[in-house]
Protein backbone atom coordinates (compact mmCIF):
# COMPACT_ATOMS: atom_id res chain seq x y z
CA UNK A 1 78.65 105.57 88.22
CA UNK A 2 75.95 106.23 85.46
CA UNK A 3 76.96 104.41 82.23
CA UNK A 4 77.22 106.67 79.06
CA UNK A 5 76.17 105.51 75.64
CA UNK A 6 78.89 105.40 73.06
CA UNK A 7 77.72 108.57 71.53
CA UNK A 8 78.04 110.38 74.81
CA UNK A 9 81.41 109.03 75.46
CA UNK A 10 82.72 110.16 72.16
CA UNK A 11 81.40 113.55 72.79
CA UNK A 12 82.79 113.88 76.18
CA UNK A 13 86.20 112.75 75.01
CA UNK A 14 86.08 115.44 72.08
CA UNK A 15 85.36 118.02 74.84
CA UNK A 16 88.20 116.80 77.00
CA UNK A 17 90.54 116.87 74.10
CA UNK A 18 89.74 120.37 73.25
CA UNK A 19 90.14 121.38 76.98
CA UNK A 20 93.54 119.91 77.03
CA UNK A 21 94.54 121.56 73.81
CA UNK A 22 93.66 124.98 75.35
CA UNK A 23 94.97 124.24 78.77
CA UNK A 24 97.00 127.03 80.72
CA UNK A 25 96.95 125.48 84.10
CA UNK A 26 100.62 125.17 84.55
CA UNK A 27 103.87 126.91 83.24
CA UNK A 28 104.29 124.17 80.50
CA UNK A 29 101.82 125.97 78.06
CA UNK A 30 104.34 128.72 77.62
CA UNK A 31 107.01 126.60 76.05
CA UNK A 32 104.95 123.79 74.37
CA UNK A 33 104.31 123.62 70.49
CA UNK A 34 101.38 121.20 70.72
CA UNK A 35 99.77 119.54 73.67
CA UNK A 36 99.57 115.83 73.45
CA UNK A 37 96.19 114.72 74.80
CA UNK A 38 96.59 111.02 73.67
CA UNK A 39 95.46 108.65 70.85
CA UNK A 40 93.60 105.45 70.33
CA UNK A 41 90.00 103.99 70.67
CA UNK A 42 87.91 105.20 73.45
CA UNK A 43 86.78 101.55 73.72
CA UNK A 44 90.27 100.21 74.45
CA UNK A 45 90.74 97.65 77.16
CA UNK A 46 94.52 98.54 77.46
CA UNK A 47 95.91 102.03 78.33
CA UNK A 48 99.54 102.96 78.02
CA UNK A 49 100.45 105.91 80.39
CA UNK A 50 103.96 107.30 79.93
CA UNK A 51 105.51 110.46 81.77
CA UNK A 52 105.53 113.35 79.21
CA UNK A 53 105.80 114.20 75.64
CA UNK A 54 109.25 114.58 74.09
CA UNK A 55 110.58 116.48 71.26
CA UNK A 56 108.97 114.72 68.49
CA UNK A 57 105.63 114.35 70.39
CA UNK A 58 105.63 117.98 70.97
CA UNK A 59 106.24 118.70 67.28
CA UNK A 60 103.50 116.40 66.10
CA UNK A 61 100.89 116.53 68.97
CA UNK A 62 100.91 112.82 69.10
CA UNK A 63 102.16 110.41 71.92
CA UNK A 64 105.14 108.06 71.42
CA UNK A 65 105.99 108.87 67.87
CA UNK A 66 109.70 108.93 67.98
CA UNK A 67 112.18 106.05 68.49
CA UNK A 68 110.84 105.12 71.82
CA UNK A 69 107.41 105.01 70.17
CA UNK A 70 108.66 102.45 67.63
CA UNK A 71 110.20 100.49 70.52
CA UNK A 72 106.75 100.57 72.18
CA UNK A 73 104.97 99.34 69.16
CA UNK A 74 107.34 96.25 68.99
CA UNK A 75 106.81 95.62 72.72
CA UNK A 76 103.04 95.76 72.40
CA UNK A 77 103.38 92.91 69.65
CA UNK A 78 105.32 90.75 72.10
CA UNK A 79 102.22 91.10 74.37
CA UNK A 80 99.90 90.14 71.55
CA UNK A 81 98.59 93.61 71.00
CA UNK A 82 98.52 95.94 68.13
CA UNK A 83 99.26 99.79 68.63
CA UNK A 84 95.88 100.77 67.07
CA UNK A 85 94.08 98.59 69.65
CA UNK A 86 95.43 100.53 72.76
CA UNK A 87 94.96 104.01 74.01
CA UNK A 88 98.12 105.90 74.58
CA UNK A 89 98.69 108.94 76.77
CA UNK A 90 101.12 110.52 79.41
CA UNK A 91 100.63 111.77 83.11
CA UNK A 92 101.71 115.22 81.60
CA UNK A 93 100.16 116.41 78.26
CA UNK A 94 102.77 118.91 77.37
CA UNK A 95 106.49 118.80 76.98
CA UNK A 96 108.82 119.86 79.86
CA UNK A 97 111.55 122.16 78.50
CA UNK A 98 114.60 120.15 77.48
CA UNK A 99 112.93 116.88 78.21
CA UNK A 100 113.51 117.37 82.01
CA UNK A 101 111.19 115.29 84.47
CA UNK A 102 107.86 116.75 85.21
CA UNK A 103 107.66 118.72 88.29
CA UNK A 104 105.05 117.87 91.04
CA UNK A 105 102.82 120.74 90.52
CA UNK A 106 102.73 120.28 86.74
CA UNK A 107 101.60 116.50 87.46
CA UNK A 108 99.02 117.78 89.70
CA UNK A 109 97.58 120.36 87.31
CA UNK A 110 97.45 117.54 84.65
CA UNK A 111 96.30 114.66 86.56
CA UNK A 112 92.59 115.50 86.33
CA UNK A 113 92.69 115.03 82.65
CA UNK A 114 94.19 111.51 83.11
CA UNK A 115 91.47 110.69 85.47
CA UNK A 116 88.78 111.76 83.14
CA UNK A 117 90.37 109.79 80.36
CA UNK A 118 90.15 106.65 82.67
CA UNK A 119 86.58 107.25 83.51
CA UNK A 120 85.59 107.56 79.87
CA UNK A 121 87.78 104.74 78.43
CA UNK A 122 87.37 102.45 81.57
CA UNK A 123 90.50 100.28 80.58
CA UNK A 124 90.97 96.91 82.13
CA UNK A 125 94.85 97.19 82.11
CA UNK A 126 97.06 100.37 82.38
CA UNK A 127 100.60 99.60 81.51
CA UNK A 128 102.55 102.30 83.29
CA UNK A 129 105.90 102.97 81.57
CA UNK A 130 108.38 104.87 83.61
CA UNK A 131 108.87 105.63 87.29
CA UNK A 132 106.66 108.92 87.28
CA UNK A 133 103.56 107.30 85.70
CA UNK A 134 104.12 104.01 87.77
CA UNK A 135 104.35 105.96 91.13
CA UNK A 136 101.43 108.15 90.70
CA UNK A 137 99.13 105.32 89.40
CA UNK A 138 100.01 103.01 92.00
CA UNK A 139 99.46 105.62 94.59
CA UNK A 140 96.16 106.43 93.17
CA UNK A 141 95.17 102.66 93.42
CA UNK A 142 96.42 102.55 97.05
CA UNK A 143 99.65 100.92 96.57
CA UNK A 144 103.15 101.92 97.72
CA UNK A 145 105.91 102.95 95.25
CA UNK A 146 109.42 101.66 96.13
CA UNK A 147 111.60 101.64 92.87
CA UNK A 148 111.30 100.45 89.26
CA UNK A 149 114.01 97.98 90.00
CA UNK A 150 111.90 96.14 92.46
CA UNK A 151 108.49 96.59 90.96
CA UNK A 152 109.00 96.39 87.14
CA UNK A 153 107.14 93.40 85.94
CA UNK A 154 104.70 93.31 88.67
CA UNK A 155 100.68 93.70 88.21
CA UNK A 156 98.69 95.31 90.74
CA UNK A 157 94.79 95.66 91.12
CA UNK A 158 93.11 98.59 92.28
CA UNK A 159 90.26 101.21 91.62
CA UNK A 160 91.11 104.69 89.99
CA UNK A 161 88.51 107.19 89.27
CA UNK A 162 85.77 104.57 89.94
CA UNK A 163 87.22 102.00 87.59
CA UNK A 164 88.33 98.66 88.65
CA UNK A 165 91.61 97.81 86.75
CA UNK A 166 95.07 96.28 86.81
CA UNK A 167 98.28 98.23 86.65
CA UNK A 168 101.44 96.71 85.12
CA UNK A 169 104.61 98.51 85.92
CA UNK A 170 107.66 98.61 83.52
CA UNK A 171 110.44 100.73 82.27
CA UNK A 172 109.94 103.59 79.83
CA UNK A 173 111.01 102.56 76.28
CA UNK A 174 113.09 105.64 76.13
CA UNK A 175 115.14 104.34 79.01
CA UNK A 176 116.07 101.26 76.79
CA UNK A 177 117.44 103.37 74.20
CA UNK A 178 119.89 105.13 76.42
CA UNK A 179 120.59 101.91 78.63
CA UNK A 180 120.50 98.85 76.23
CA UNK A 181 120.61 96.22 78.91
CA UNK A 182 117.03 97.65 80.05
CA UNK A 183 115.65 96.45 76.68
CA UNK A 184 115.79 92.77 77.82
CA UNK A 185 113.96 93.46 80.96
CA UNK A 186 111.22 95.43 79.00
CA UNK A 187 110.95 92.64 76.60
CA UNK A 188 110.49 90.06 79.45
CA UNK A 189 107.81 92.30 81.15
CA UNK A 190 105.87 92.54 78.00
CA UNK A 191 106.27 88.66 76.93
CA UNK A 192 105.62 87.70 80.58
CA UNK A 193 103.31 89.31 83.07
CA UNK A 194 101.77 91.73 80.81
CA UNK A 195 101.01 89.05 77.78
CA UNK A 196 99.43 86.95 80.54
CA UNK A 197 97.27 89.85 81.54
CA UNK A 198 96.33 90.58 77.95
CA UNK A 199 95.23 87.18 77.39
CA UNK A 200 93.05 87.06 80.24
CA UNK A 201 91.42 90.25 79.08
CA UNK A 202 90.84 88.75 75.78
CA UNK A 203 89.45 85.60 77.13
CA UNK A 204 87.03 87.65 79.32
CA UNK A 205 85.90 89.76 76.38
CA UNK A 206 85.11 86.58 74.35
CA UNK A 207 83.08 85.21 77.38
CA UNK A 208 81.20 88.52 77.94
CA UNK A 209 80.53 88.63 74.12
CA UNK A 210 79.06 85.07 74.19
CA UNK A 211 77.00 85.89 77.23
CA UNK A 212 75.44 89.04 75.50
CA UNK A 213 74.69 86.96 72.52
CA UNK A 214 73.10 84.16 74.68
CA UNK A 215 70.89 87.06 76.41
CA UNK A 216 70.04 88.55 73.20
CA UNK A 217 68.75 85.17 71.85
CA UNK A 218 66.87 84.51 75.07
CA UNK A 219 65.37 87.74 74.89
CA UNK A 220 64.32 87.37 71.24
CA UNK A 221 62.76 84.02 72.16
CA UNK A 222 60.94 85.56 74.84
CA UNK A 223 59.52 88.38 72.60
CA UNK A 224 58.53 85.82 70.01
CA UNK A 225 56.65 83.79 72.46
CA UNK A 226 54.81 87.09 73.79
CA UNK A 227 54.01 88.00 70.35
CA UNK A 228 52.51 84.55 69.61
CA UNK A 229 50.28 84.45 72.57
CA UNK A 230 49.21 88.06 72.27
CA UNK A 231 48.27 87.31 68.58
CA UNK A 232 46.44 84.08 69.19
CA UNK A 233 42.75 84.09 69.12
CA UNK A 234 41.07 83.74 72.52
CA UNK A 235 39.98 80.10 73.35
CA UNK A 236 36.32 79.63 74.55
CA UNK A 237 36.79 77.53 77.74
CA UNK A 238 32.88 77.78 78.41
């Protein structure tokens, strides 16, 4: 895969958002108010992938802005993350009528957008919230889906869209609003396995930054030596 410069990534992302906003690939465009492409830095190491926009998201064109979004923000803090540091999106970019589950053909129509987002952002960790997101992402990475009960809190490794990453599985924050006992499980997932992966990513980023600085200094020293020798007067060895 050819690496793109930051400017090219921004431009490709802008075109992708425009494409999503004008999408008519499935029936959902007929009932949506606003498509919800996603939001967050394209340099994010962590991506949140939910199932589909709800009523508030459909009205504002932004992901996770209702009560579930407020809970997600608090959960991210438990994992040592700020909301503005992560990229947040959904498997399906338009709200299904009546908040019903997204249907298979709707997911298939929208999936290429998510794959392109992963290619551009290159997250090191995807937190899949809810069974629809978890099942589809695990299958893309070559893992079998069984159930949220048995797989929440687990972290898997794989390659999606050419990007090597980890996938953490947990409940959707909205589920905890309807079933309060699930909130403890969500908090345990974010404070435990997800927080550990986030800490590992942070450590790796620091080490990579230090390595880049070392290479930069080494390259600068080599350039200085080359400049010195090229500018030194030739010595007469005769």
